[in-house]
Amino acid sequence: MTKSVDVSVIMPTYNCLEYLPKAVHSVLMQNVDLELLIIDDQSTDGSAQWLEALQNKDTRIRVIKGEHKGVSAARNLAIAQARGQWLAFLDADDYWYSNKLKQQLEIHQCDPDVVLSFTDYDHFSEAGSDLGRCFRFWPGFDALLKPEINMLNLNGALKTVIYAENVIGTSTVLVNKTAVERVGGFDEHLQSASDWDLWLKLHHLGNFVAINQPLMGYLVRSNSISRNAERRLESFELILERFREAMTALNPSCYPAARARLKLAQAECWQASEGGYWKASKAYIQACYQLPTHRNIRALLSHLLKGYKTQ
């Protein structure tokens, strides 16, 4: 009979041998009952040989051969084979801090209505420089937090923030496996942002809890897949339209706020590209029209001032 575990940790990897040892070690040091499913998506950097040797040393590790169809397909492949009641995800170039899973597991075990929990996390450069925390980057979410608040239950109207701001880091999530299976897992047809899409599909199945403490280190890599900003923004556009009715039903101001955030992201992307000044200007104006906050207006004025100085 196959032994069940509390948590199935799912780690897709493709040519990440440089970072894998740290990521794997951070999982195995968690003091909970777990299994680690590593999906090698046909790496060519020696990962397969290293993982095979690792699997022979620790019975908690299972290596799965991926089909090189992308990270969403790799995660879904592991979900289908997972034995845990809860799922956790960790990218091969990120790592967890000690007791990360224990803190989250206690929340889920104490409150069955919690379908998903996530934590704050630190950004680091490849040189090891601290680039700041996640939660502070998102103004709407940050406004809900206070230093003395260690845990925030995002039920009711508070859940609108996850539509407007993509605050949930995939490598921080602990989620009920049955709920993930119920909504069909990760959408493999999306080019990017299938994680955000999944969180939004799960929102009506139970409560979300945020832990106001960094429990994961996120590596910002110059050649990372996640840096393909245009592809990610196109997926954001599709997801927003997919959930437009749900947003409006939850709160009429939710969709405009989400559109404004998307326009800001587009503006920042175009601003960094050659010849993108006028596209960025239009996007900043649209963001201010959708959500005329001090931050959005300040971003528009700063952009226009920079353009004026270069003339």
C-alpha atoms as a PDB file:
ATOM      1  CA  MET A   1       0.000   0.000   0.000  1.00  0.00           C
ATOM      2  CA  THR A   2       1.346   3.442  -0.947  1.00  0.00           C
ATOM      3  CA  LYS A   3       2.195   5.540   2.097  1.00  0.00           C
ATOM      4  CA  SER A   4       0.494   8.937   2.298  1.00  0.00           C
ATOM      5  CA  VAL A   5       2.242  12.070   3.560  1.00  0.00           C
ATOM      6  CA  ASP A   6       1.092  15.455   4.811  1.00  0.00           C
ATOM      7  CA  VAL A   7       2.742  17.580   2.127  1.00  0.00           C
ATOM      8  CA  SER A   8       3.814  16.887  -1.442  1.00  0.00           C
ATOM      9  CA  VAL A   9       6.457  19.400  -2.509  1.00  0.00           C
ATOM     10  CA  ILE A  10       6.537  19.930  -6.281  1.00  0.00           C
ATOM     11  CA  MET A  11       9.728  21.233  -7.872  1.00  0.00           C
ATOM     12  CA  PRO A  12      10.001  21.593 -11.680  1.00  0.00           C
ATOM     13  CA  THR A  13      13.518  22.021 -12.992  1.00  0.00           C
ATOM     14  CA  TYR A  14      15.150  22.649 -16.350  1.00  0.00           C
ATOM     15  CA  ASN A  15      18.924  23.161 -16.507  1.00  0.00           C
ATOM     16  CA  CYS A  16      19.098  24.445 -12.928  1.00  0.00           C
ATOM     17  CA  LEU A  17      21.830  22.194 -11.549  1.00  0.00           C
ATOM     18  CA  GLU A  18      23.700  25.249 -10.257  1.00  0.00           C
ATOM     19  CA  TYR A  19      20.836  26.078  -7.898  1.00  0.00           C
ATOM     20  CA  LEU A  20      19.187  22.690  -7.240  1.00  0.00           C
ATOM     21  CA  PRO A  21      21.267  21.592  -4.221  1.00  0.00           C
ATOM     22  CA  LYS A  22      20.292  24.654  -2.186  1.00  0.00           C
ATOM     23  CA  ALA A  23      16.622  24.359  -3.139  1.00  0.00           C
ATOM     24  CA  VAL A  24      16.474  20.628  -2.371  1.00  0.00           C
ATOM     25  CA  HIS A  25      18.305  21.042   0.953  1.00  0.00           C
ATOM     26  CA  SER A  26      15.840  23.740   2.023  1.00  0.00           C
ATOM     27  CA  VAL A  27      12.962  21.293   1.448  1.00  0.00           C
ATOM     28  CA  LEU A  28      14.510  18.309   3.195  1.00  0.00           C
ATOM     29  CA  MET A  29      15.262  20.451   6.262  1.00  0.00           C
ATOM     30  CA  GLN A  30      11.566  21.248   6.790  1.00  0.00           C
ATOM     31  CA  ASN A  31      10.359  19.446   9.903  1.00  0.00           C
ATOM     32  CA  VAL A  32       7.092  18.062   8.499  1.00  0.00           C
ATOM     33  CA  ASP A  33       6.051  14.773   6.922  1.00  0.00           C
ATOM     34  CA  LEU A  34       6.694  15.335   3.221  1.00  0.00           C
ATOM     35  CA  GLU A  35       7.686  13.959  -0.129  1.00  0.00           C
ATOM     36  CA  LEU A  36       9.659  15.887  -2.747  1.00  0.00           C
ATOM     37  CA  LEU A  37       8.616  15.398  -6.370  1.00  0.00           C
ATOM     38  CA  ILE A  38      11.245  16.785  -8.738  1.00  0.00           C
ATOM     39  CA  ILE A  39      10.182  17.019 -12.370  1.00  0.00           C
ATOM     40  CA  ASP A  40      13.257  17.107 -14.593  1.00  0.00           C
ATOM     41  CA  ASP A  41      11.943  18.661 -17.802  1.00  0.00           C
ATOM     42  CA  GLN A  42      14.652  17.057 -19.965  1.00  0.00           C
ATOM     43  CA  SER A  43      17.598  19.065 -18.650  1.00  0.00           C
ATOM     44  CA  THR A  44      20.922  18.888 -20.513  1.00  0.00           C
ATOM     45  CA  ASP A  45      23.229  20.180 -17.765  1.00  0.00           C
ATOM     46  CA  GLY A  46      23.786  16.935 -15.861  1.00  0.00           C
ATOM     47  CA  SER A  47      20.739  17.365 -13.618  1.00  0.00           C
ATOM     48  CA  ALA A  48      19.396  13.893 -14.451  1.00  0.00           C
ATOM     49  CA  GLN A  49      22.498  12.111 -13.174  1.00  0.00           C
ATOM     50  CA  TRP A  50      22.658  14.262 -10.039  1.00  0.00           C
ATOM     51  CA  LEU A  51      18.979  13.690  -9.288  1.00  0.00           C
ATOM     52  CA  GLU A  52      19.243   9.939  -9.796  1.00  0.00           C
ATOM     53  CA  ALA A  53      22.027   9.729  -7.222  1.00  0.00           C
ATOM     54  CA  LEU A  54      20.057  11.949  -4.845  1.00  0.00           C
ATOM     55  CA  GLN A  55      16.927   9.824  -5.161  1.00  0.00           C
ATOM     56  CA  ASN A  56      18.894   6.728  -4.160  1.00  0.00           C
ATOM     57  CA  LYS A  57      20.001   8.440  -0.927  1.00  0.00           C
ATOM     58  CA  ASP A  58      16.648   9.724   0.365  1.00  0.00           C
ATOM     59  CA  THR A  59      13.340   7.855   0.107  1.00  0.00           C
ATOM     60  CA  ARG A  60      11.404  11.122   0.396  1.00  0.00           C
ATOM     61  CA  ILE A  61      12.567  12.113  -3.088  1.00  0.00           C
ATOM     62  CA  ARG A  62      10.915  10.980  -6.303  1.00  0.00           C
ATOM     63  CA  VAL A  63      12.265  12.123  -9.667  1.00  0.00           C
ATOM     64  CA  ILE A  64       9.764  12.371 -12.510  1.00  0.00           C
ATOM     65  CA  LYS A  65      10.769  12.659 -16.157  1.00  0.00           C
ATOM     66  CA  GLY A  66       9.044  15.652 -17.706  1.00  0.00           C
ATOM     67  CA  GLU A  67       7.841  15.946 -21.280  1.00  0.00           C
ATOM     68  CA  HIS A  68       9.401  19.381 -21.921  1.00  0.00           C
ATOM     69  CA  LYS A  69       5.989  21.007 -22.262  1.00  0.00           C
ATOM     70  CA  GLY A  70       6.644  23.835 -19.815  1.00  0.00           C
ATOM     71  CA  VAL A  71       6.331  24.476 -16.102  1.00  0.00           C
ATOM     72  CA  SER A  72       2.521  24.162 -15.922  1.00  0.00           C
ATOM     73  CA  ALA A  73       2.543  20.717 -17.531  1.00  0.00           C
ATOM     74  CA  ALA A  74       5.392  19.652 -15.257  1.00  0.00           C
ATOM     75  CA  ARG A  75       3.491  20.736 -12.138  1.00  0.00           C
ATOM     76  CA  ASN A  76       0.298  19.013 -13.284  1.00  0.00           C
ATOM     77  CA  LEU A  77       2.261  15.824 -13.944  1.00  0.00           C
ATOM     78  CA  ALA A  78       3.512  15.848 -10.354  1.00  0.00           C
ATOM     79  CA  ILE A  79       0.093  16.748  -8.896  1.00  0.00           C
ATOM     80  CA  ALA A  80      -1.334  13.613 -10.511  1.00  0.00           C
ATOM     81  CA  GLN A  81       1.257  11.500  -8.673  1.00  0.00           C
ATOM     82  CA  ALA A  82       1.291  13.391  -5.366  1.00  0.00           C
ATOM     83  CA  ARG A  83       0.404  11.482  -2.189  1.00  0.00           C
ATOM     84  CA  GLY A  84       0.009  14.471   0.132  1.00  0.00           C
ATOM     85  CA  GLN A  85      -3.138  16.127   1.407  1.00  0.00           C
ATOM     86  CA  TRP A  86      -1.506  19.491   0.755  1.00  0.00           C
ATOM     87  CA  LEU A  87       0.668  20.691  -2.109  1.00  0.00           C
ATOM     88  CA  ALA A  88       3.598  23.070  -1.915  1.00  0.00           C
ATOM     89  CA  PHE A  89       5.554  24.454  -4.852  1.00  0.00           C
ATOM     90  CA  LEU A  90       9.191  25.498  -5.054  1.00  0.00           C
ATOM     91  CA  ASP A  91      11.073  26.626  -8.143  1.00  0.00           C
ATOM     92  CA  ALA A  92      14.498  25.073  -8.523  1.00  0.00           C
ATOM     93  CA  ASP A  93      16.322  28.388  -8.136  1.00  0.00           C
ATOM     94  CA  ASP A  94      14.429  29.501  -5.003  1.00  0.00           C
ATOM     95  CA  TYR A  95      14.750  28.212  -1.449  1.00  0.00           C
ATOM     96  CA  TRP A  96      12.752  28.067   1.768  1.00  0.00           C
ATOM     97  CA  TYR A  97      13.627  29.280   5.230  1.00  0.00           C
ATOM     98  CA  SER A  98      13.427  26.940   8.215  1.00  0.00           C
ATOM     99  CA  ASN A  99       9.967  26.051   9.590  1.00  0.00           C
ATOM    100  CA  LYS A 100       8.226  27.503   6.541  1.00  0.00           C
ATOM    101  CA  LEU A 101       5.996  24.489   5.973  1.00  0.00           C
ATOM    102  CA  LYS A 102       5.402  23.876   9.679  1.00  0.00           C
ATOM    103  CA  GLN A 103       3.919  27.348  10.153  1.00  0.00           C
ATOM    104  CA  GLN A 104       1.591  26.945   7.195  1.00  0.00           C
ATOM    105  CA  LEU A 105       0.594  23.374   7.961  1.00  0.00           C
ATOM    106  CA  GLU A 106      -0.501  24.359  11.458  1.00  0.00           C
ATOM    107  CA  ILE A 107      -2.814  26.997   9.949  1.00  0.00           C
ATOM    108  CA  HIS A 108      -4.445  24.488   7.593  1.00  0.00           C
ATOM    109  CA  GLN A 109      -4.802  21.793  10.236  1.00  0.00           C
ATOM    110  CA  CYS A 110      -6.407  24.211  12.699  1.00  0.00           C
ATOM    111  CA  ASP A 111      -8.861  25.688  10.191  1.00  0.00           C
ATOM    112  CA  PRO A 112     -10.264  23.369   7.479  1.00  0.00           C
ATOM    113  CA  ASP A 113     -11.818  26.397   5.726  1.00  0.00           C
ATOM    114  CA  VAL A 114      -8.344  27.597   4.691  1.00  0.00           C
ATOM    115  CA  VAL A 115      -7.767  26.340   1.153  1.00  0.00           C
ATOM    116  CA  LEU A 116      -4.533  28.230   0.487  1.00  0.00           C
ATOM    117  CA  SER A 117      -1.832  29.992   2.490  1.00  0.00           C
ATOM    118  CA  PHE A 118       1.136  32.016   1.292  1.00  0.00           C
ATOM    119  CA  THR A 119       3.948  34.050   2.819  1.00  0.00           C
ATOM    120  CA  ASP A 120       6.026  37.116   2.200  1.00  0.00           C
ATOM    121  CA  TYR A 121       9.417  36.532   0.573  1.00  0.00           C
ATOM    122  CA  ASP A 122      12.765  38.198  -0.037  1.00  0.00           C
ATOM    123  CA  HIS A 123      14.171  39.037  -3.476  1.00  0.00           C
ATOM    124  CA  PHE A 124      17.886  38.481  -4.021  1.00  0.00           C
ATOM    125  CA  SER A 125      20.157  39.257  -6.951  1.00  0.00           C
ATOM    126  CA  GLU A 126      22.574  36.698  -8.367  1.00  0.00           C
ATOM    127  CA  ALA A 127      25.315  38.525  -6.445  1.00  0.00           C
ATOM    128  CA  GLY A 128      23.401  38.042  -3.201  1.00  0.00           C
ATOM    129  CA  SER A 129      22.157  41.622  -2.802  1.00  0.00           C
ATOM    130  CA  ASP A 130      18.871  42.102  -0.939  1.00  0.00           C
ATOM    131  CA  LEU A 131      16.346  43.570  -3.402  1.00  0.00           C
ATOM    132  CA  GLY A 132      13.473  43.911  -0.948  1.00  0.00           C
ATOM    133  CA  ARG A 133      10.372  42.033   0.112  1.00  0.00           C
ATOM    134  CA  CYS A 134       7.347  41.124  -1.973  1.00  0.00           C
ATOM    135  CA  PHE A 135       4.439  42.438   0.121  1.00  0.00           C
ATOM    136  CA  ARG A 136       5.842  45.974   0.299  1.00  0.00           C
ATOM    137  CA  PHE A 137       5.847  46.220  -3.494  1.00  0.00           C
ATOM    138  CA  TRP A 138       2.041  45.947  -3.736  1.00  0.00           C
ATOM    139  CA  PRO A 139       0.358  49.124  -2.385  1.00  0.00           C
ATOM    140  CA  GLY A 140      -3.145  47.690  -1.991  1.00  0.00           C
ATOM    141  CA  PHE A 141      -1.980  44.631  -0.127  1.00  0.00           C
ATOM    142  CA  ASP A 142       0.630  46.498   1.899  1.00  0.00           C
ATOM    143  CA  ALA A 143      -2.090  48.867   3.120  1.00  0.00           C
ATOM    144  CA  LEU A 144      -3.854  45.916   4.760  1.00  0.00           C
ATOM    145  CA  LEU A 145      -0.811  44.969   6.788  1.00  0.00           C
ATOM    146  CA  LYS A 146       0.645  46.366   9.985  1.00  0.00           C
ATOM    147  CA  PRO A 147       3.938  45.339  11.625  1.00  0.00           C
ATOM    148  CA  GLU A 148       2.083  43.709  14.496  1.00  0.00           C
ATOM    149  CA  ILE A 149      -0.061  41.595  12.143  1.00  0.00           C
ATOM    150  CA  ASN A 150       1.618  38.234  11.584  1.00  0.00           C
ATOM    151  CA  MET A 151      -1.289  36.583   9.787  1.00  0.00           C
ATOM    152  CA  LEU A 152      -4.023  38.013   7.565  1.00  0.00           C
ATOM    153  CA  ASN A 153      -7.157  36.051   6.673  1.00  0.00           C
ATOM    154  CA  LEU A 154      -8.244  37.154   3.192  1.00  0.00           C
ATOM    155  CA  ASN A 155     -11.914  36.293   3.382  1.00  0.00           C
ATOM    156  CA  GLY A 156     -14.863  38.292   2.116  1.00  0.00           C
ATOM    157  CA  ALA A 157     -14.103  41.671   0.563  1.00  0.00           C
ATOM    158  CA  LEU A 158     -10.397  41.427   1.433  1.00  0.00           C
ATOM    159  CA  LYS A 159     -10.025  38.719  -1.197  1.00  0.00           C
ATOM    160  CA  THR A 160     -10.409  41.346  -3.945  1.00  0.00           C
ATOM    161  CA  VAL A 161      -6.757  42.270  -3.463  1.00  0.00           C
ATOM    162  CA  ILE A 162      -5.550  39.050  -5.117  1.00  0.00           C
ATOM    163  CA  TYR A 163      -7.362  40.074  -8.300  1.00  0.00           C
ATOM    164  CA  ALA A 164      -5.886  43.561  -8.451  1.00  0.00           C
ATOM    165  CA  GLU A 165      -2.383  42.582  -7.355  1.00  0.00           C
ATOM    166  CA  ASN A 166      -0.503  39.364  -8.110  1.00  0.00           C
ATOM    167  CA  VAL A 167       0.890  39.220  -4.591  1.00  0.00           C
ATOM    168  CA  ILE A 168       0.991  35.422  -4.174  1.00  0.00           C
ATOM    169  CA  GLY A 169       4.433  33.953  -4.817  1.00  0.00           C
ATOM    170  CA  THR A 170       4.103  30.398  -6.125  1.00  0.00           C
ATOM    171  CA  SER A 171       7.117  29.186  -4.149  1.00  0.00           C
ATOM    172  CA  THR A 172       5.407  30.295  -0.921  1.00  0.00           C
ATOM    173  CA  VAL A 173       2.062  28.531  -1.441  1.00  0.00           C
ATOM    174  CA  LEU A 174       0.605  25.646   0.535  1.00  0.00           C
ATOM    175  CA  VAL A 175      -2.719  24.535  -0.903  1.00  0.00           C
ATOM    176  CA  ASN A 176      -5.297  21.787  -0.473  1.00  0.00           C
ATOM    177  CA  LYS A 177      -4.698  19.126  -3.133  1.00  0.00           C
ATOM    178  CA  THR A 178      -8.385  18.224  -3.524  1.00  0.00           C
ATOM    179  CA  ALA A 179      -9.216  21.859  -4.252  1.00  0.00           C
ATOM    180  CA  VAL A 180      -6.504  22.088  -6.926  1.00  0.00           C
ATOM    181  CA  GLU A 181      -7.787  18.934  -8.600  1.00  0.00           C
ATOM    182  CA  ARG A 182     -11.361  20.234  -8.429  1.00  0.00           C
ATOM    183  CA  VAL A 183     -10.516  23.319 -10.536  1.00  0.00           C
ATOM    184  CA  GLY A 184      -8.335  21.411 -13.011  1.00  0.00           C
ATOM    185  CA  GLY A 185      -4.848  22.384 -11.874  1.00  0.00           C
ATOM    186  CA  PHE A 186      -2.629  24.737 -13.868  1.00  0.00           C
ATOM    187  CA  ASP A 187      -3.845  25.917 -17.277  1.00  0.00           C
ATOM    188  CA  GLU A 188      -1.266  24.537 -19.713  1.00  0.00           C
ATOM    189  CA  HIS A 189      -2.580  26.714 -22.546  1.00  0.00           C
ATOM    190  CA  LEU A 190      -1.494  29.964 -20.902  1.00  0.00           C
ATOM    191  CA  GLN A 191       1.966  31.088 -22.007  1.00  0.00           C
ATOM    192  CA  SER A 192       2.621  32.533 -18.559  1.00  0.00           C
ATOM    193  CA  ALA A 193       0.946  33.429 -15.232  1.00  0.00           C
ATOM    194  CA  SER A 194      -0.883  30.092 -14.916  1.00  0.00           C
ATOM    195  CA  ASP A 195      -0.134  30.283 -11.202  1.00  0.00           C
ATOM    196  CA  TRP A 196      -2.136  33.503 -10.755  1.00  0.00           C
ATOM    197  CA  ASP A 197      -4.924  31.972 -12.842  1.00  0.00           C
ATOM    198  CA  LEU A 198      -5.030  28.970 -10.493  1.00  0.00           C
ATOM    199  CA  TRP A 199      -5.216  31.107  -7.347  1.00  0.00           C
ATOM    200  CA  LEU A 200      -8.155  33.009  -8.813  1.00  0.00           C
ATOM    201  CA  LYS A 201      -9.939  29.755  -9.701  1.00  0.00           C
ATOM    202  CA  LEU A 202      -9.505  28.616  -6.097  1.00  0.00           C
ATOM    203  CA  HIS A 203     -10.728  31.787  -4.381  1.00  0.00           C
ATOM    204  CA  HIS A 204     -14.382  30.701  -4.043  1.00  0.00           C
ATOM    205  CA  LEU A 205     -13.519  27.311  -2.517  1.00  0.00           C
ATOM    206  CA  GLY A 206     -12.308  28.624   0.835  1.00  0.00           C
ATOM    207  CA  ASN A 207     -10.257  31.187   2.716  1.00  0.00           C
ATOM    208  CA  PHE A 208      -6.786  32.416   1.848  1.00  0.00           C
ATOM    209  CA  VAL A 209      -4.306  33.239   4.618  1.00  0.00           C
ATOM    210  CA  ALA A 210      -1.206  35.425   4.233  1.00  0.00           C
ATOM    211  CA  ILE A 211       1.713  35.130   6.647  1.00  0.00           C
ATOM    212  CA  ASN A 212       3.338  38.534   7.089  1.00  0.00           C
ATOM    213  CA  GLN A 213       6.820  37.088   7.357  1.00  0.00           C
ATOM    214  CA  PRO A 214       9.390  36.277   4.636  1.00  0.00           C
ATOM    215  CA  LEU A 215       9.826  32.508   4.529  1.00  0.00           C
ATOM    216  CA  MET A 216      11.305  32.111   1.046  1.00  0.00           C
ATOM    217  CA  GLY A 217      14.259  33.487  -0.881  1.00  0.00           C
ATOM    218  CA  TYR A 218      13.517  34.366  -4.509  1.00  0.00           C
ATOM    219  CA  LEU A 219      16.422  34.600  -6.922  1.00  0.00           C
ATOM    220  CA  VAL A 220      16.090  37.351  -9.547  1.00  0.00           C
ATOM    221  CA  ARG A 221      18.035  36.014 -12.535  1.00  0.00           C
ATOM    222  CA  SER A 222      18.915  38.132 -15.547  1.00  0.00           C
ATOM    223  CA  ASN A 223      18.113  35.256 -17.938  1.00  0.00           C
ATOM    224  CA  SER A 224      15.102  33.925 -16.057  1.00  0.00           C
ATOM    225  CA  ILE A 225      11.997  32.747 -17.925  1.00  0.00           C
ATOM    226  CA  SER A 226       9.998  35.003 -15.624  1.00  0.00           C
ATOM    227  CA  ARG A 227      11.731  38.017 -17.186  1.00  0.00           C
ATOM    228  CA  ASN A 228       9.813  37.499 -20.435  1.00  0.00           C
ATOM    229  CA  ALA A 229       7.607  40.423 -19.517  1.00  0.00           C
ATOM    230  CA  GLU A 230       5.608  40.838 -22.719  1.00  0.00           C
ATOM    231  CA  ARG A 231       4.460  37.222 -22.760  1.00  0.00           C
ATOM    232  CA  ARG A 232       3.493  37.459 -19.094  1.00  0.00           C
ATOM    233  CA  LEU A 233       1.517  40.656 -19.664  1.00  0.00           C
ATOM    234  CA  GLU A 234      -0.399  39.070 -22.545  1.00  0.00           C
ATOM    235  CA  SER A 235      -1.413  36.247 -20.210  1.00  0.00           C
ATOM    236  CA  PHE A 236      -2.449  38.757 -17.534  1.00  0.00           C
ATOM    237  CA  GLU A 237      -4.751  40.353 -20.103  1.00  0.00           C
ATOM    238  CA  LEU A 238      -6.407  37.010 -20.884  1.00  0.00           C
ATOM    239  CA  ILE A 239      -6.808  36.134 -17.197  1.00  0.00           C
ATOM    240  CA  LEU A 240      -8.365  39.491 -16.328  1.00  0.00           C
ATOM    241  CA  GLU A 241     -10.998  39.060 -19.006  1.00  0.00           C
ATOM    242  CA  ARG A 242     -11.608  35.479 -17.887  1.00  0.00           C
ATOM    243  CA  PHE A 243     -12.428  36.631 -14.363  1.00  0.00           C
ATOM    244  CA  ARG A 244     -14.035  39.977 -15.167  1.00  0.00           C
ATOM    245  CA  GLU A 245     -17.545  38.937 -14.112  1.00  0.00           C
ATOM    246  CA  ALA A 246     -16.303  37.340 -10.886  1.00  0.00           C
ATOM    247  CA  MET A 247     -14.373  40.497 -10.022  1.00  0.00           C
ATOM    248  CA  THR A 248     -17.352  42.757 -10.641  1.00  0.00           C
ATOM    249  CA  ALA A 249     -19.620  40.541  -8.557  1.00  0.00           C
ATOM    250  CA  LEU A 250     -17.134  40.600  -5.689  1.00  0.00           C
ATOM    251  CA  ASN A 251     -16.606  44.370  -5.815  1.00  0.00           C
ATOM    252  CA  PRO A 252     -17.414  46.785  -8.687  1.00  0.00           C
ATOM    253  CA  SER A 253     -14.088  48.586  -8.173  1.00  0.00           C
ATOM    254  CA  CYS A 254     -12.054  45.385  -8.400  1.00  0.00           C
ATOM    255  CA  TYR A 255     -11.825  45.116 -12.190  1.00  0.00           C
ATOM    256  CA  PRO A 256     -10.813  48.781 -12.767  1.00  0.00           C
ATOM    257  CA  ALA A 257      -8.122  48.411 -10.103  1.00  0.00           C
ATOM    258  CA  ALA A 258      -6.811  45.253 -11.772  1.00  0.00           C
ATOM    259  CA  ARG A 259      -6.847  46.936 -15.195  1.00  0.00           C
ATOM    260  CA  ALA A 260      -4.950  49.884 -13.781  1.00  0.00           C
ATOM    261  CA  ARG A 261      -2.294  47.592 -12.337  1.00  0.00           C
ATOM    262  CA  LEU A 262      -1.953  45.845 -15.698  1.00  0.00           C
ATOM    263  CA  LYS A 263      -1.575  49.182 -17.503  1.00  0.00           C
ATOM    264  CA  LEU A 264       1.140  50.216 -15.052  1.00  0.00           C
ATOM    265  CA  ALA A 265       3.002  46.981 -15.725  1.00  0.00           C
ATOM    266  CA  GLN A 266       2.659  47.500 -19.478  1.00  0.00           C
ATOM    267  CA  ALA A 267       3.916  51.063 -19.145  1.00  0.00           C
ATOM    268  CA  GLU A 268       6.961  49.932 -17.172  1.00  0.00           C
ATOM    269  CA  CYS A 269       7.677  47.282 -19.799  1.00  0.00           C
ATOM    270  CA  TRP A 270       7.388  49.673 -22.738  1.00  0.00           C
ATOM    271  CA  GLN A 271       9.293  52.402 -20.918  1.00  0.00           C
ATOM    272  CA  ALA A 272      12.293  50.082 -20.740  1.00  0.00           C
ATOM    273  CA  SER A 273      12.114  49.220 -24.449  1.00  0.00           C
ATOM    274  CA  GLU A 274      13.623  51.239 -27.266  1.00  0.00           C
ATOM    275  CA  GLY A 275      11.070  53.505 -28.914  1.00  0.00           C
ATOM    276  CA  GLY A 276       8.402  52.672 -26.353  1.00  0.00           C
ATOM    277  CA  TYR A 277       7.958  56.151 -24.869  1.00  0.00           C
ATOM    278  CA  TRP A 278       4.574  56.963 -26.422  1.00  0.00           C
ATOM    279  CA  LYS A 279       3.176  53.464 -25.773  1.00  0.00           C
ATOM    280  CA  ALA A 280       4.243  53.826 -22.160  1.00  0.00           C
ATOM    281  CA  SER A 281       2.686  57.303 -21.961  1.00  0.00           C
ATOM    282  CA  LYS A 282      -0.655  55.978 -23.208  1.00  0.00           C
ATOM    283  CA  ALA A 283      -0.573  53.092 -20.715  1.00  0.00           C
ATOM    284  CA  TYR A 284       0.220  55.440 -17.791  1.00  0.00           C
ATOM    285  CA  ILE A 285      -2.704  57.673 -18.772  1.00  0.00           C
ATOM    286  CA  GLN A 286      -5.023  54.657 -18.985  1.00  0.00           C
ATOM    287  CA  ALA A 287      -3.873  53.521 -15.528  1.00  0.00           C
ATOM    288  CA  CYS A 288      -4.680  56.949 -14.088  1.00  0.00           C
ATOM    289  CA  TYR A 289      -8.084  56.934 -15.773  1.00  0.00           C
ATOM    290  CA  GLN A 290      -8.912  53.485 -14.347  1.00  0.00           C
ATOM    291  CA  LEU A 291      -7.559  54.249 -10.875  1.00  0.00           C
ATOM    292  CA  PRO A 292      -6.539  57.906 -10.215  1.00  0.00           C
ATOM    293  CA  THR A 293      -4.407  57.280  -7.120  1.00  0.00           C
ATOM    294  CA  HIS A 294      -1.507  59.469  -6.011  1.00  0.00           C
ATOM    295  CA  ARG A 295       0.901  56.655  -6.900  1.00  0.00           C
ATOM    296  CA  ASN A 296      -0.419  56.258 -10.446  1.00  0.00           C
ATOM    297  CA  ILE A 297      -0.486  60.002 -11.125  1.00  0.00           C
ATOM    298  CA  ARG A 298       3.029  60.340  -9.707  1.00  0.00           C
ATOM    299  CA  ALA A 299       4.238  57.552 -12.004  1.00  0.00           C
ATOM    300  CA  LEU A 300       2.697  59.304 -15.038  1.00  0.00           C
ATOM    301  CA  LEU A 301       4.221  62.688 -14.169  1.00  0.00           C
ATOM    302  CA  SER A 302       7.624  61.140 -13.540  1.00  0.00           C
ATOM    303  CA  HIS A 303       7.498  59.393 -16.925  1.00  0.00           C
ATOM    304  CA  LEU A 304       6.460  62.581 -18.755  1.00  0.00           C
ATOM    305  CA  LEU A 305       9.177  64.574 -16.997  1.00  0.00           C
ATOM    306  CA  LYS A 306      11.847  62.080 -18.031  1.00  0.00           C
ATOM    307  CA  GLY A 307      10.604  62.256 -21.616  1.00  0.00           C
ATOM    308  CA  TYR A 308      10.678  66.066 -21.539  1.00  0.00           C
ATOM    309  CA  LYS A 309      14.277  66.105 -20.298  1.00  0.00           C
ATOM    310  CA  THR A 310      15.428  63.843 -23.140  1.00  0.00           C
ATOM    311  CA  GLN A 311      13.941  66.088 -25.827  1.00  0.00           C
END
